[in-house]
Every structure is written in structure tokens, then in C-alpha cells.
């Protein structure tokens, strides 16, 4: 099971996440993860686990 993290969002971010989840027929959690992963790609961040998965 993935670790849990509690996060407080300003109302406008919460609204954005809700709308994106509805638009994409996904969960709010999935939308948050998608946003973070997109940012990770933009800054070129790679984890050891991600590199191992890509090289398998």
C-alpha cells in the first residue's frame, strides 16, 4: 500500500482538482498524482525505482 499524505489545499486548487477529476472521469487522487508526475517530468526528476522500471 502506498504511503498516505494529508495535504491542505486552498479552495481554488481544490475546485480545480475536483473539476479535472470529473472532466477526466478519474479520482481526485489520480489528478493530483498526474499533476505531480507532469512536473517531475518537466524538471527532469527521476527516481531509482522509476529508472529500474524503465530499464526492465
PDB file of N, CA and C in Angstrom:
ATOM      1  N   UNK A   1       0.842  -1.186   0.000  1.00  0.00           N
ATOM      2  CA  UNK A   1       0.000   0.000   0.000  1.00  0.00           C
ATOM      3  C   UNK A   1       0.886   1.249   0.000  1.00  0.00           C
ATOM      4  N   UNK A   2       0.481   2.235  -0.763  1.00  0.00           N
ATOM      5  CA  UNK A   2       1.242   3.476  -0.868  1.00  0.00           C
ATOM      6  C   UNK A   2       1.123   4.286   0.424  1.00  0.00           C
ATOM      7  N   UNK A   3       2.180   5.016   0.772  1.00  0.00           N
ATOM      8  CA  UNK A   3       2.107   5.857   1.967  1.00  0.00           C
ATOM      9  C   UNK A   3       1.037   6.936   1.809  1.00  0.00           C
ATOM     10  N   UNK A   4       0.429   7.321   2.907  1.00  0.00           N
ATOM     11  CA  UNK A   4      -0.594   8.368   2.898  1.00  0.00           C
ATOM     12  C   UNK A   4       0.030   9.706   3.262  1.00  0.00           C
ATOM     13  N   UNK A   5      -0.574  10.759   2.714  1.00  0.00           N
ATOM     14  CA  UNK A   5      -0.105  12.116   2.985  1.00  0.00           C
ATOM     15  C   UNK A   5      -1.323  13.024   3.047  1.00  0.00           C
ATOM     16  N   UNK A   6      -1.459  13.753   4.136  1.00  0.00           N
ATOM     17  CA  UNK A   6      -2.546  14.725   4.237  1.00  0.00           C
ATOM     18  C   UNK A   6      -2.035  16.061   3.732  1.00  0.00           C
ATOM     19  N   UNK A   7      -2.830  16.686   2.874  1.00  0.00           N
ATOM     20  CA  UNK A   7      -2.442  17.966   2.292  1.00  0.00           C
ATOM     21  C   UNK A   7      -3.623  18.918   2.393  1.00  0.00           C
ATOM     22  N   UNK A   8      -3.346  20.166   2.739  1.00  0.00           N
ATOM     23  CA  UNK A   8      -4.384  21.199   2.767  1.00  0.00           C
ATOM     24  C   UNK A   8      -4.259  22.022   1.497  1.00  0.00           C
ATOM     25  N   UNK A   9      -5.365  22.161   0.773  1.00  0.00           N
ATOM     26  CA  UNK A   9      -5.375  22.926  -0.465  1.00  0.00           C
ATOM     27  C   UNK A   9      -6.182  24.201  -0.300  1.00  0.00           C
ATOM     28  N   UNK A  10      -5.719  25.283  -0.901  1.00  0.00           N
ATOM     29  CA  UNK A  10      -6.560  26.473  -0.962  1.00  0.00           C
ATOM     30  C   UNK A  10      -7.827  26.134  -1.763  1.00  0.00           C
ATOM     31  N   UNK A  11      -8.922  26.817  -1.504  1.00  0.00           N
ATOM     32  CA  UNK A  11     -10.193  26.483  -2.173  1.00  0.00           C
ATOM     33  C   UNK A  11     -10.112  26.432  -3.703  1.00  0.00           C
ATOM     34  N   UNK A  12      -9.377  27.337  -4.315  1.00  0.00           N
ATOM     35  CA  UNK A  12      -9.316  27.350  -5.779  1.00  0.00           C
ATOM     36  C   UNK A  12      -8.575  26.131  -6.326  1.00  0.00           C
ATOM     37  N   UNK A  13      -7.579  25.615  -5.598  1.00  0.00           N
ATOM     38  CA  UNK A  13      -6.891  24.400  -6.038  1.00  0.00           C
ATOM     39  C   UNK A  13      -7.786  23.179  -5.864  1.00  0.00           C
ATOM     40  N   UNK A  14      -8.503  23.132  -4.770  1.00  0.00           N
ATOM     41  CA  UNK A  14      -9.434  22.026  -4.533  1.00  0.00           C
ATOM     42  C   UNK A  14     -10.492  21.995  -5.625  1.00  0.00           C
ATOM     43  N   UNK A  15     -11.009  23.166  -5.993  1.00  0.00           N
ATOM     44  CA  UNK A  15     -12.010  23.247  -7.052  1.00  0.00           C
ATOM     45  C   UNK A  15     -11.421  22.755  -8.388  1.00  0.00           C
ATOM     46  N   UNK A  16     -10.208  23.172  -8.689  1.00  0.00           N
ATOM     47  CA  UNK A  16      -9.550  22.751  -9.923  1.00  0.00           C
ATOM     48  C   UNK A  16      -9.403  21.230  -9.959  1.00  0.00           C
ATOM     49  N   UNK A  17      -8.962  20.647  -8.874  1.00  0.00           N
ATOM     50  CA  UNK A  17      -8.780  19.194  -8.802  1.00  0.00           C
ATOM     51  C   UNK A  17     -10.119  18.482  -8.998  1.00  0.00           C
ATOM     52  N   UNK A  18     -11.154  18.972  -8.347  1.00  0.00           N
ATOM     53  CA  UNK A  18     -12.478  18.376  -8.498  1.00  0.00           C
ATOM     54  C   UNK A  18     -12.947  18.431  -9.954  1.00  0.00           C
ATOM     55  N   UNK A  19     -12.797  19.586 -10.598  1.00  0.00           N
ATOM     56  CA  UNK A  19     -13.238  19.749 -11.980  1.00  0.00           C
ATOM     57  C   UNK A  19     -12.439  18.872 -12.939  1.00  0.00           C
ATOM     58  N   UNK A  20     -11.135  18.801 -12.749  1.00  0.00           N
ATOM     59  CA  UNK A  20     -10.291  17.962 -13.611  1.00  0.00           C
ATOM     60  C   UNK A  20     -10.636  16.492 -13.446  1.00  0.00           C
ATOM     61  N   UNK A  21     -10.901  16.075 -12.217  1.00  0.00           N
ATOM     62  CA  UNK A  21     -11.271  14.676 -11.976  1.00  0.00           C
ATOM     63  C   UNK A  21     -12.580  14.340 -12.682  1.00  0.00           C
ATOM     64  N   UNK A  22     -13.561  15.222 -12.593  1.00  0.00           N
ATOM     65  CA  UNK A  22     -14.838  14.989 -13.278  1.00  0.00           C
ATOM     66  C   UNK A  22     -14.637  14.966 -14.785  1.00  0.00           C
ATOM     67  N   UNK A  23     -13.884  15.926 -15.305  1.00  0.00           N
ATOM     68  CA  UNK A  23     -13.648  16.029 -16.746  1.00  0.00           C
ATOM     69  C   UNK A  23     -12.962  14.779 -17.286  1.00  0.00           C
ATOM     70  N   UNK A  24     -12.036  14.224 -16.522  1.00  0.00           N
ATOM     71  CA  UNK A  24     -11.252  13.070 -16.958  1.00  0.00           C
ATOM     72  C   UNK A  24     -11.797  11.737 -16.445  1.00  0.00           C
ATOM     73  N   UNK A  25     -12.937  11.766 -15.813  1.00  0.00           N
ATOM     74  CA  UNK A  25     -13.543  10.559 -15.224  1.00  0.00           C
ATOM     75  C   UNK A  25     -12.539   9.802 -14.373  1.00  0.00           C
ATOM     76  N   UNK A  26     -11.863  10.530 -13.506  1.00  0.00           N
ATOM     77  CA  UNK A  26     -10.873   9.915 -12.630  1.00  0.00           C
ATOM     78  C   UNK A  26     -11.081  10.418 -11.206  1.00  0.00           C
ATOM     79  N   UNK A  27     -10.290   9.896 -10.295  1.00  0.00           N
ATOM     80  CA  UNK A  27     -10.390  10.330  -8.905  1.00  0.00           C
ATOM     81  C   UNK A  27      -9.564  11.594  -8.693  1.00  0.00           C
ATOM     82  N   UNK A  28      -9.868  12.291  -7.625  1.00  0.00           N
ATOM     83  CA  UNK A  28      -9.089  13.474  -7.274  1.00  0.00           C
ATOM     84  C   UNK A  28      -7.643  13.072  -6.969  1.00  0.00           C
ATOM     85  N   UNK A  29      -7.472  11.935  -6.328  1.00  0.00           N
ATOM     86  CA  UNK A  29      -6.136  11.441  -6.030  1.00  0.00           C
ATOM     87  C   UNK A  29      -5.331  11.235  -7.316  1.00  0.00           C
ATOM     88  N   UNK A  30      -5.963  10.628  -8.320  1.00  0.00           N
ATOM     89  CA  UNK A  30      -5.289  10.399  -9.600  1.00  0.00           C
ATOM     90  C   UNK A  30      -4.885  11.706 -10.263  1.00  0.00           C
ATOM     91  N   UNK A  31      -5.733  12.710 -10.168  1.00  0.00           N
ATOM     92  CA  UNK A  31      -5.421  14.007 -10.761  1.00  0.00           C
ATOM     93  C   UNK A  31      -4.232  14.669 -10.071  1.00  0.00           C
ATOM     94  N   UNK A  32      -4.167  14.565  -8.763  1.00  0.00           N
ATOM     95  CA  UNK A  32      -3.039  15.133  -8.022  1.00  0.00           C
ATOM     96  C   UNK A  32      -1.750  14.433  -8.415  1.00  0.00           C
ATOM     97  N   UNK A  33      -1.799  13.111  -8.500  1.00  0.00           N
ATOM     98  CA  UNK A  33      -0.617  12.341  -8.888  1.00  0.00           C
ATOM     99  C   UNK A  33      -0.185  12.703 -10.303  1.00  0.00           C
ATOM    100  N   UNK A  34      -1.156  12.822 -11.228  1.00  0.00           N
ATOM    101  CA  UNK A  34      -0.845  13.191 -12.607  1.00  0.00           C
ATOM    102  C   UNK A  34      -0.130  14.548 -12.661  1.00  0.00           C
ATOM    103  N   UNK A  35      -0.644  15.514 -11.911  1.00  0.00           N
ATOM    104  CA  UNK A  35      -0.024  16.845 -11.892  1.00  0.00           C
ATOM    105  C   UNK A  35       1.411  16.791 -11.369  1.00  0.00           C
ATOM    106  N   UNK A  36       1.618  16.055 -10.309  1.00  0.00           N
ATOM    107  CA  UNK A  36       2.962  15.950  -9.732  1.00  0.00           C
ATOM    108  C   UNK A  36       3.901  15.233 -10.699  1.00  0.00           C
ATOM    109  N   UNK A  37       3.431  14.173 -11.329  1.00  0.00           N
ATOM    110  CA  UNK A  37       4.280  13.445 -12.286  1.00  0.00           C
ATOM    111  C   UNK A  37       4.630  14.306 -13.492  1.00  0.00           C
ATOM    112  N   UNK A  38       3.669  15.097 -13.971  1.00  0.00           N
ATOM    113  CA  UNK A  38       3.960  16.001 -15.086  1.00  0.00           C
ATOM    114  C   UNK A  38       5.056  16.994 -14.700  1.00  0.00           C
ATOM    115  N   UNK A  39       4.984  17.502 -13.489  1.00  0.00           N
ATOM    116  CA  UNK A  39       6.004  18.440 -13.006  1.00  0.00           C
ATOM    117  C   UNK A  39       7.356  17.744 -12.887  1.00  0.00           C
ATOM    118  N   UNK A  40       7.352  16.514 -12.383  1.00  0.00           N
ATOM    119  CA  UNK A  40       8.594  15.751 -12.258  1.00  0.00           C
ATOM    120  C   UNK A  40       9.255  15.580 -13.624  1.00  0.00           C
ATOM    121  N   UNK A  41       8.450  15.298 -14.647  1.00  0.00           N
ATOM    122  CA  UNK A  41       8.989  15.149 -15.998  1.00  0.00           C
ATOM    123  C   UNK A  41       9.573  16.467 -16.500  1.00  0.00           C
ATOM    124  N   UNK A  42       8.868  17.565 -16.249  1.00  0.00           N
ATOM    125  CA  UNK A  42       9.349  18.878 -16.715  1.00  0.00           C
ATOM    126  C   UNK A  42      10.684  19.254 -16.104  1.00  0.00           C
ATOM    127  N   UNK A  43      10.889  18.919 -14.836  1.00  0.00           N
ATOM    128  CA  UNK A  43      12.150  19.285 -14.189  1.00  0.00           C
ATOM    129  C   UNK A  43      13.207  18.203 -14.324  1.00  0.00           C
ATOM    130  N   UNK A  44      12.845  17.085 -14.958  1.00  0.00           N
ATOM    131  CA  UNK A  44      13.812  16.022 -15.197  1.00  0.00           C
ATOM    132  C   UNK A  44      14.116  15.174 -13.985  1.00  0.00           C
ATOM    133  N   UNK A  45      13.193  15.116 -13.033  1.00  0.00           N
ATOM    134  CA  UNK A  45      13.409  14.319 -11.826  1.00  0.00           C
ATOM    135  C   UNK A  45      13.138  12.854 -12.117  1.00  0.00           C
ATOM    136  N   UNK A  46      14.064  12.002 -11.758  1.00  0.00           N
ATOM    137  CA  UNK A  46      13.887  10.555 -11.911  1.00  0.00           C
ATOM    138  C   UNK A  46      14.253   9.891 -10.601  1.00  0.00           C
ATOM    139  N   UNK A  47      13.465   8.899 -10.229  1.00  0.00           N
ATOM    140  CA  UNK A  47      13.779   8.135  -9.027  1.00  0.00           C
ATOM    141  C   UNK A  47      14.507   6.870  -9.428  1.00  0.00           C
ATOM    142  N   UNK A  48      15.183   6.262  -8.509  1.00  0.00           N
ATOM    143  CA  UNK A  48      15.864   4.993  -8.763  1.00  0.00           C
ATOM    144  C   UNK A  48      14.844   3.947  -9.175  1.00  0.00           C
ATOM    145  N   UNK A  49      13.694   3.910  -8.488  1.00  0.00           N
ATOM    146  CA  UNK A  49      12.639   2.943  -8.790  1.00  0.00           C
ATOM    147  C   UNK A  49      12.112   3.158 -10.208  1.00  0.00           C
ATOM    148  N   UNK A  50      11.897   4.406 -10.617  1.00  0.00           N
ATOM    149  CA  UNK A  50      11.395   4.699 -11.961  1.00  0.00           C
ATOM    150  C   UNK A  50      12.423   4.282 -13.016  1.00  0.00           C
ATOM    151  N   UNK A  51      13.697   4.545 -12.763  1.00  0.00           N
ATOM    152  CA  UNK A  51      14.737   4.170 -13.712  1.00  0.00           C
ATOM    153  C   UNK A  51      14.826   2.659 -13.854  1.00  0.00           C
ATOM    154  N   UNK A  52      14.699   1.921 -12.756  1.00  0.00           N
ATOM    155  CA  UNK A  52      14.743   0.462 -12.796  1.00  0.00           C
ATOM    156  C   UNK A  52      13.571  -0.073 -13.599  1.00  0.00           C
ATOM    157  N   UNK A  53      12.390   0.536 -13.439  1.00  0.00           N
ATOM    158  CA  UNK A  53      11.209   0.105 -14.165  1.00  0.00           C
ATOM    159  C   UNK A  53      11.378   0.350 -15.658  1.00  0.00           C
ATOM    160  N   UNK A  54      11.925   1.499 -16.032  1.00  0.00           N
ATOM    161  CA  UNK A  54      12.109   1.821 -17.440  1.00  0.00           C
ATOM    162  C   UNK A  54      13.164   0.955 -18.115  1.00  0.00           C
ATOM    163  N   UNK A  55      14.143   0.503 -17.359  1.00  0.00           N
ATOM    164  CA  UNK A  55      15.232  -0.305 -17.914  1.00  0.00           C
ATOM    165  C   UNK A  55      14.920  -1.792 -17.908  1.00  0.00           C
ATOM    166  N   UNK A  56      13.782  -2.190 -17.354  1.00  0.00           N
ATOM    167  CA  UNK A  56      13.434  -3.614 -17.263  1.00  0.00           C
ATOM    168  C   UNK A  56      12.988  -4.160 -18.591  1.00  0.00           C
TER     169      UNK A  56
END
